[in-house]
């Protein structure tokens, strides 16, 4: 029996075992398999492992998406997580190539995936508070938000959770160095039902602009002299 002789239910089951690239390759062989590839039931869960994957045409975004994960564990993550004012020209050039990639993708999610239930971002050093706020507003059913090593995330995201995260049940902000203890306490006070975890975040050294760092160094020298 040829694969195209299988009924739609069997083809959907077959596609469900394939990764995104394999699904796309198979869909290019004939119109029938392309229609199966485009069935929303296949795209309720998406996992990405690098910003480059977000620009491919091997997946579909739509209302069926419920679970989304963008976890970038490459060594290059370290470059994106350096404070902007400390980056050299090479590092800045590297970041400029993909700085808006994840944010732009999440904006597409905001516009096309209103039924999202879970979002995990790890190593996404350029994701901003504004982007998370917009996502909370446009995905009102979001129950799980996990942010790990997202250095631009600040207490503004925590404030957005208290205002717009009405459906949130789980919130992780691990290794996010610009999260403060007072911001975490505010979430616990305003949203006691949320399971909140912030491994190391409030204990890490936050970003400091050069002028602030200089002032701190001068103050330290004065204390030593005294």
C-alpha atoms as a PDB file:
ATOM      1  CA  UNK A   1       0.000   0.000   0.000  1.00  0.00           C
ATOM      2  CA  UNK A   2       1.259   3.463  -0.877  1.00  0.00           C
ATOM      3  CA  UNK A   3       1.365   5.989   1.967  1.00  0.00           C
ATOM      4  CA  UNK A   4      -1.186   8.251   0.228  1.00  0.00           C
ATOM      5  CA  UNK A   5      -3.715   5.416   0.340  1.00  0.00           C
ATOM      6  CA  UNK A   6      -3.890   5.667   4.122  1.00  0.00           C
ATOM      7  CA  UNK A   7      -6.848   7.563   5.528  1.00  0.00           C
ATOM      8  CA  UNK A   8      -6.397  10.988   7.130  1.00  0.00           C
ATOM      9  CA  UNK A   9      -6.469   9.672  10.705  1.00  0.00           C
ATOM     10  CA  UNK A  10      -3.615   7.257   9.987  1.00  0.00           C
ATOM     11  CA  UNK A  11      -1.600   9.958   8.239  1.00  0.00           C
ATOM     12  CA  UNK A  12      -2.042  12.351  11.150  1.00  0.00           C
ATOM     13  CA  UNK A  13      -0.881   9.618  13.514  1.00  0.00           C
ATOM     14  CA  UNK A  14       2.160   8.997  11.338  1.00  0.00           C
ATOM     15  CA  UNK A  15       3.024  12.711  11.152  1.00  0.00           C
ATOM     16  CA  UNK A  16       2.769  13.003  14.926  1.00  0.00           C
ATOM     17  CA  UNK A  17       5.898  10.854  15.327  1.00  0.00           C
ATOM     18  CA  UNK A  18       8.004  13.065  13.041  1.00  0.00           C
ATOM     19  CA  UNK A  19      10.008  16.160  13.933  1.00  0.00           C
ATOM     20  CA  UNK A  20       9.306  19.489  12.225  1.00  0.00           C
ATOM     21  CA  UNK A  21      11.872  19.028   9.439  1.00  0.00           C
ATOM     22  CA  UNK A  22      10.674  15.527   8.611  1.00  0.00           C
ATOM     23  CA  UNK A  23       7.063  16.660   8.519  1.00  0.00           C
ATOM     24  CA  UNK A  24       7.923  19.465   6.112  1.00  0.00           C
ATOM     25  CA  UNK A  25       9.970  17.206   3.844  1.00  0.00           C
ATOM     26  CA  UNK A  26       7.176  14.648   3.646  1.00  0.00           C
ATOM     27  CA  UNK A  27       4.595  17.370   2.976  1.00  0.00           C
ATOM     28  CA  UNK A  28       6.503  18.506  -0.108  1.00  0.00           C
ATOM     29  CA  UNK A  29       5.948  15.181  -1.869  1.00  0.00           C
ATOM     30  CA  UNK A  30       2.258  15.633  -2.726  1.00  0.00           C
ATOM     31  CA  UNK A  31      -0.820  17.798  -2.127  1.00  0.00           C
ATOM     32  CA  UNK A  32      -2.518  15.236   0.105  1.00  0.00           C
ATOM     33  CA  UNK A  33       0.405  15.098   2.530  1.00  0.00           C
ATOM     34  CA  UNK A  34       0.676  18.887   2.443  1.00  0.00           C
ATOM     35  CA  UNK A  35      -2.943  19.097   3.622  1.00  0.00           C
ATOM     36  CA  UNK A  36      -2.117  16.738   6.486  1.00  0.00           C
ATOM     37  CA  UNK A  37       0.919  18.869   7.384  1.00  0.00           C
ATOM     38  CA  UNK A  38      -1.367  21.912   7.569  1.00  0.00           C
ATOM     39  CA  UNK A  39      -3.858  20.284   9.929  1.00  0.00           C
ATOM     40  CA  UNK A  40      -3.929  22.315  13.186  1.00  0.00           C
ATOM     41  CA  UNK A  41      -4.172  19.168  15.288  1.00  0.00           C
ATOM     42  CA  UNK A  42      -0.462  18.537  14.607  1.00  0.00           C
ATOM     43  CA  UNK A  43       0.642  21.885  16.007  1.00  0.00           C
ATOM     44  CA  UNK A  44      -0.571  22.043  19.588  1.00  0.00           C
ATOM     45  CA  UNK A  45       3.033  21.747  20.861  1.00  0.00           C
ATOM     46  CA  UNK A  46       6.202  23.407  19.549  1.00  0.00           C
ATOM     47  CA  UNK A  47       9.778  23.093  20.833  1.00  0.00           C
ATOM     48  CA  UNK A  48      12.655  25.201  19.519  1.00  0.00           C
ATOM     49  CA  UNK A  49      16.343  24.933  20.382  1.00  0.00           C
ATOM     50  CA  UNK A  50      17.815  28.013  18.691  1.00  0.00           C
ATOM     51  CA  UNK A  51      16.632  31.404  17.382  1.00  0.00           C
ATOM     52  CA  UNK A  52      17.409  30.254  13.831  1.00  0.00           C
ATOM     53  CA  UNK A  53      14.676  27.604  14.068  1.00  0.00           C
ATOM     54  CA  UNK A  54      12.065  30.315  14.574  1.00  0.00           C
ATOM     55  CA  UNK A  55      12.629  31.585  11.031  1.00  0.00           C
ATOM     56  CA  UNK A  56      12.065  28.262   9.284  1.00  0.00           C
ATOM     57  CA  UNK A  57       8.898  27.278   7.428  1.00  0.00           C
ATOM     58  CA  UNK A  58       8.673  23.799   8.941  1.00  0.00           C
ATOM     59  CA  UNK A  59       5.842  24.533  11.399  1.00  0.00           C
ATOM     60  CA  UNK A  60       2.503  26.320  11.674  1.00  0.00           C
ATOM     61  CA  UNK A  61       1.337  28.888  14.210  1.00  0.00           C
ATOM     62  CA  UNK A  62      -2.345  29.063  15.006  1.00  0.00           C
ATOM     63  CA  UNK A  63      -5.084  28.885  17.642  1.00  0.00           C
ATOM     64  CA  UNK A  64      -4.338  25.176  18.180  1.00  0.00           C
ATOM     65  CA  UNK A  65      -0.972  25.932  19.807  1.00  0.00           C
ATOM     66  CA  UNK A  66      -1.136  25.179  23.536  1.00  0.00           C
ATOM     67  CA  UNK A  67       2.464  24.499  24.592  1.00  0.00           C
ATOM     68  CA  UNK A  68       5.506  26.485  23.422  1.00  0.00           C
ATOM     69  CA  UNK A  69       9.131  26.089  24.461  1.00  0.00           C
ATOM     70  CA  UNK A  70      12.163  28.081  23.237  1.00  0.00           C
ATOM     71  CA  UNK A  71      15.238  26.798  25.044  1.00  0.00           C
ATOM     72  CA  UNK A  72      18.623  27.918  23.786  1.00  0.00           C
ATOM     73  CA  UNK A  73      21.385  26.043  25.603  1.00  0.00           C
ATOM     74  CA  UNK A  74      24.255  26.874  23.229  1.00  0.00           C
ATOM     75  CA  UNK A  75      27.492  28.379  24.515  1.00  0.00           C
ATOM     76  CA  UNK A  76      26.535  31.466  22.517  1.00  0.00           C
ATOM     77  CA  UNK A  77      23.875  32.186  25.115  1.00  0.00           C
ATOM     78  CA  UNK A  78      26.671  33.556  27.310  1.00  0.00           C
ATOM     79  CA  UNK A  79      27.279  36.347  24.795  1.00  0.00           C
ATOM     80  CA  UNK A  80      23.637  37.446  24.809  1.00  0.00           C
ATOM     81  CA  UNK A  81      23.570  37.489  28.605  1.00  0.00           C
ATOM     82  CA  UNK A  82      26.493  39.890  28.971  1.00  0.00           C
ATOM     83  CA  UNK A  83      25.451  43.390  30.012  1.00  0.00           C
ATOM     84  CA  UNK A  84      25.011  45.491  26.866  1.00  0.00           C
ATOM     85  CA  UNK A  85      27.447  48.152  28.023  1.00  0.00           C
ATOM     86  CA  UNK A  86      30.147  45.517  28.605  1.00  0.00           C
ATOM     87  CA  UNK A  87      29.962  43.862  25.167  1.00  0.00           C
ATOM     88  CA  UNK A  88      32.798  44.395  22.708  1.00  0.00           C
ATOM     89  CA  UNK A  89      32.125  45.141  19.022  1.00  0.00           C
ATOM     90  CA  UNK A  90      32.247  41.477  18.014  1.00  0.00           C
ATOM     91  CA  UNK A  91      29.733  40.535  20.699  1.00  0.00           C
ATOM     92  CA  UNK A  92      27.434  43.424  19.779  1.00  0.00           C
ATOM     93  CA  UNK A  93      27.531  42.420  16.127  1.00  0.00           C
ATOM     94  CA  UNK A  94      26.693  38.833  17.025  1.00  0.00           C
ATOM     95  CA  UNK A  95      23.703  39.915  19.123  1.00  0.00           C
ATOM     96  CA  UNK A  96      22.447  42.378  16.515  1.00  0.00           C
ATOM     97  CA  UNK A  97      21.943  39.519  14.085  1.00  0.00           C
ATOM     98  CA  UNK A  98      19.192  37.946  16.174  1.00  0.00           C
ATOM     99  CA  UNK A  99      18.369  40.489  18.873  1.00  0.00           C
ATOM    100  CA  UNK A 100      14.710  40.821  17.873  1.00  0.00           C
ATOM    101  CA  UNK A 101      14.185  37.262  16.628  1.00  0.00           C
ATOM    102  CA  UNK A 102      12.524  35.824  19.730  1.00  0.00           C
ATOM    103  CA  UNK A 103      10.568  39.010  20.498  1.00  0.00           C
ATOM    104  CA  UNK A 104       9.217  39.164  16.929  1.00  0.00           C
ATOM    105  CA  UNK A 105       8.259  35.495  17.088  1.00  0.00           C
ATOM    106  CA  UNK A 106       6.439  35.999  20.392  1.00  0.00           C
ATOM    107  CA  UNK A 107       4.535  38.911  18.862  1.00  0.00           C
ATOM    108  CA  UNK A 108       3.341  36.497  16.183  1.00  0.00           C
ATOM    109  CA  UNK A 109       2.278  34.129  18.960  1.00  0.00           C
ATOM    110  CA  UNK A 110       0.354  36.976  20.599  1.00  0.00           C
ATOM    111  CA  UNK A 111      -1.537  37.637  17.379  1.00  0.00           C
ATOM    112  CA  UNK A 112      -2.173  34.071  16.263  1.00  0.00           C
ATOM    113  CA  UNK A 113      -2.169  31.790  19.326  1.00  0.00           C
ATOM    114  CA  UNK A 114      -4.733  33.088  21.844  1.00  0.00           C
ATOM    115  CA  UNK A 115      -5.219  29.648  23.427  1.00  0.00           C
ATOM    116  CA  UNK A 116      -1.623  29.221  24.601  1.00  0.00           C
ATOM    117  CA  UNK A 117      -1.473  27.442  27.964  1.00  0.00           C
ATOM    118  CA  UNK A 118       2.258  27.125  28.640  1.00  0.00           C
ATOM    119  CA  UNK A 119       5.353  29.109  27.657  1.00  0.00           C
ATOM    120  CA  UNK A 120       8.951  28.220  28.523  1.00  0.00           C
ATOM    121  CA  UNK A 121      11.854  30.517  27.600  1.00  0.00           C
ATOM    122  CA  UNK A 122      15.416  29.595  28.517  1.00  0.00           C
ATOM    123  CA  UNK A 123      18.550  31.479  27.527  1.00  0.00           C
ATOM    124  CA  UNK A 124      16.539  34.075  25.612  1.00  0.00           C
ATOM    125  CA  UNK A 125      18.679  37.026  26.658  1.00  0.00           C
ATOM    126  CA  UNK A 126      16.915  39.612  24.499  1.00  0.00           C
ATOM    127  CA  UNK A 127      13.302  38.986  25.545  1.00  0.00           C
ATOM    128  CA  UNK A 128      11.825  42.135  27.071  1.00  0.00           C
ATOM    129  CA  UNK A 129       9.263  42.942  29.738  1.00  0.00           C
ATOM    130  CA  UNK A 130       7.030  44.618  27.143  1.00  0.00           C
ATOM    131  CA  UNK A 131       6.898  41.434  25.104  1.00  0.00           C
ATOM    132  CA  UNK A 132       5.868  39.321  28.105  1.00  0.00           C
ATOM    133  CA  UNK A 133       3.243  41.908  29.075  1.00  0.00           C
ATOM    134  CA  UNK A 134       1.713  41.788  25.601  1.00  0.00           C
ATOM    135  CA  UNK A 135       1.704  38.013  25.666  1.00  0.00           C
ATOM    136  CA  UNK A 136      -0.086  37.935  29.027  1.00  0.00           C
ATOM    137  CA  UNK A 137      -2.718  40.286  27.633  1.00  0.00           C
ATOM    138  CA  UNK A 138      -3.248  38.363  24.400  1.00  0.00           C
ATOM    139  CA  UNK A 139      -3.089  34.843  25.826  1.00  0.00           C
ATOM    140  CA  UNK A 140      -5.545  35.071  28.728  1.00  0.00           C
ATOM    141  CA  UNK A 141      -5.574  31.300  29.295  1.00  0.00           C
ATOM    142  CA  UNK A 142      -1.837  31.067  29.994  1.00  0.00           C
ATOM    143  CA  UNK A 143      -1.354  28.850  33.038  1.00  0.00           C
ATOM    144  CA  UNK A 144       2.406  28.254  33.076  1.00  0.00           C
ATOM    145  CA  UNK A 145       5.161  30.804  32.443  1.00  0.00           C
ATOM    146  CA  UNK A 146       8.757  29.647  32.912  1.00  0.00           C
ATOM    147  CA  UNK A 147      11.606  32.100  32.334  1.00  0.00           C
ATOM    148  CA  UNK A 148      15.182  30.957  32.850  1.00  0.00           C
ATOM    149  CA  UNK A 149      18.320  33.007  32.257  1.00  0.00           C
ATOM    150  CA  UNK A 150      16.351  35.787  30.566  1.00  0.00           C
ATOM    151  CA  UNK A 151      18.467  38.718  31.685  1.00  0.00           C
ATOM    152  CA  UNK A 152      16.297  41.575  30.420  1.00  0.00           C
ATOM    153  CA  UNK A 153      13.339  40.437  32.464  1.00  0.00           C
ATOM    154  CA  UNK A 154      12.796  42.741  35.426  1.00  0.00           C
ATOM    155  CA  UNK A 155      10.208  43.447  38.097  1.00  0.00           C
ATOM    156  CA  UNK A 156       8.050  44.946  35.342  1.00  0.00           C
ATOM    157  CA  UNK A 157       7.238  41.411  34.243  1.00  0.00           C
ATOM    158  CA  UNK A 158       6.317  40.510  37.807  1.00  0.00           C
ATOM    159  CA  UNK A 159       4.043  43.567  37.940  1.00  0.00           C
ATOM    160  CA  UNK A 160       2.456  42.476  34.651  1.00  0.00           C
ATOM    161  CA  UNK A 161       1.743  39.075  36.189  1.00  0.00           C
ATOM    162  CA  UNK A 162      -0.160  40.689  39.067  1.00  0.00           C
ATOM    163  CA  UNK A 163      -2.207  42.777  36.626  1.00  0.00           C
ATOM    164  CA  UNK A 164      -2.768  40.474  33.655  1.00  0.00           C
ATOM    165  CA  UNK A 165      -1.884  36.943  34.769  1.00  0.00           C
ATOM    166  CA  UNK A 166      -5.317  36.014  36.008  1.00  0.00           C
ATOM    167  CA  UNK A 167      -5.059  32.413  34.787  1.00  0.00           C
ATOM    168  CA  UNK A 168      -1.434  31.807  35.793  1.00  0.00           C
ATOM    169  CA  UNK A 169      -0.864  28.881  38.128  1.00  0.00           C
ATOM    170  CA  UNK A 170       2.918  28.477  37.803  1.00  0.00           C
ATOM    171  CA  UNK A 171       5.583  31.174  37.437  1.00  0.00           C
ATOM    172  CA  UNK A 172       9.337  30.492  37.282  1.00  0.00           C
ATOM    173  CA  UNK A 173      11.879  33.303  36.979  1.00  0.00           C
ATOM    174  CA  UNK A 174      15.107  31.376  37.516  1.00  0.00           C
ATOM    175  CA  UNK A 175      18.531  32.991  37.050  1.00  0.00           C
ATOM    176  CA  UNK A 176      16.970  36.272  35.901  1.00  0.00           C
ATOM    177  CA  UNK A 177      19.456  38.671  37.455  1.00  0.00           C
ATOM    178  CA  UNK A 178      17.343  41.827  37.285  1.00  0.00           C
ATOM    179  CA  UNK A 179      14.505  40.378  39.363  1.00  0.00           C
ATOM    180  CA  UNK A 180      14.434  41.722  42.926  1.00  0.00           C
ATOM    181  CA  UNK A 181      13.252  40.301  46.218  1.00  0.00           C
ATOM    182  CA  UNK A 182      10.700  43.087  46.609  1.00  0.00           C
ATOM    183  CA  UNK A 183       9.228  42.225  43.203  1.00  0.00           C
ATOM    184  CA  UNK A 184       8.901  38.575  44.184  1.00  0.00           C
ATOM    185  CA  UNK A 185       7.273  39.497  47.493  1.00  0.00           C
ATOM    186  CA  UNK A 186       4.752  41.636  45.634  1.00  0.00           C
ATOM    187  CA  UNK A 187       3.731  38.667  43.467  1.00  0.00           C
ATOM    188  CA  UNK A 188       3.358  36.465  46.533  1.00  0.00           C
ATOM    189  CA  UNK A 189       1.230  39.141  48.189  1.00  0.00           C
ATOM    190  CA  UNK A 190      -0.970  39.952  45.193  1.00  0.00           C
ATOM    191  CA  UNK A 191      -1.216  36.427  43.727  1.00  0.00           C
ATOM    192  CA  UNK A 192      -0.874  33.908  46.574  1.00  0.00           C
ATOM    193  CA  UNK A 193      -2.330  31.074  44.469  1.00  0.00           C
ATOM    194  CA  UNK A 194       0.530  31.179  41.946  1.00  0.00           C
ATOM    195  CA  UNK A 195       3.278  28.605  42.457  1.00  0.00           C
ATOM    196  CA  UNK A 196       6.267  30.960  42.306  1.00  0.00           C
ATOM    197  CA  UNK A 197       9.887  29.870  41.937  1.00  0.00           C
ATOM    198  CA  UNK A 198      12.881  32.172  41.565  1.00  0.00           C
ATOM    199  CA  UNK A 199      16.060  30.139  41.845  1.00  0.00           C
ATOM    200  CA  UNK A 200      19.000  32.482  42.404  1.00  0.00           C
ATOM    201  CA  UNK A 201      17.291  35.452  40.697  1.00  0.00           C
ATOM    202  CA  UNK A 202      17.021  37.849  43.628  1.00  0.00           C
ATOM    203  CA  UNK A 203      20.501  36.850  44.851  1.00  0.00           C
ATOM    204  CA  UNK A 204      22.326  37.643  41.608  1.00  0.00           C
ATOM    205  CA  UNK A 205      24.130  40.896  40.834  1.00  0.00           C
ATOM    206  CA  UNK A 206      21.828  43.031  38.652  1.00  0.00           C
ATOM    207  CA  UNK A 207      22.974  44.958  35.598  1.00  0.00           C
ATOM    208  CA  UNK A 208      24.586  48.322  36.393  1.00  0.00           C
ATOM    209  CA  UNK A 209      25.275  51.125  33.956  1.00  0.00           C
ATOM    210  CA  UNK A 210      28.871  52.399  33.863  1.00  0.00           C
ATOM    211  CA  UNK A 211      28.075  55.652  35.666  1.00  0.00           C
ATOM    212  CA  UNK A 212      26.373  53.763  38.480  1.00  0.00           C
ATOM    213  CA  UNK A 213      29.262  51.328  38.744  1.00  0.00           C
ATOM    214  CA  UNK A 214      31.738  54.238  38.876  1.00  0.00           C
ATOM    215  CA  UNK A 215      29.808  55.868  41.693  1.00  0.00           C
ATOM    216  CA  UNK A 216      29.811  52.609  43.652  1.00  0.00           C
ATOM    217  CA  UNK A 217      33.554  52.210  43.168  1.00  0.00           C
ATOM    218  CA  UNK A 218      34.214  55.778  44.390  1.00  0.00           C
ATOM    219  CA  UNK A 219      32.009  55.206  47.425  1.00  0.00           C
ATOM    220  CA  UNK A 220      33.889  51.978  48.208  1.00  0.00           C
ATOM    221  CA  UNK A 221      37.234  53.774  48.002  1.00  0.00           C
ATOM    222  CA  UNK A 222      36.046  56.465  50.394  1.00  0.00           C
ATOM    223  CA  UNK A 223      34.935  53.828  52.873  1.00  0.00           C
ATOM    224  CA  UNK A 224      38.346  52.157  52.667  1.00  0.00           C
ATOM    225  CA  UNK A 225      40.113  55.477  53.241  1.00  0.00           C
ATOM    226  CA  UNK A 226      37.975  56.165  56.290  1.00  0.00           C
END
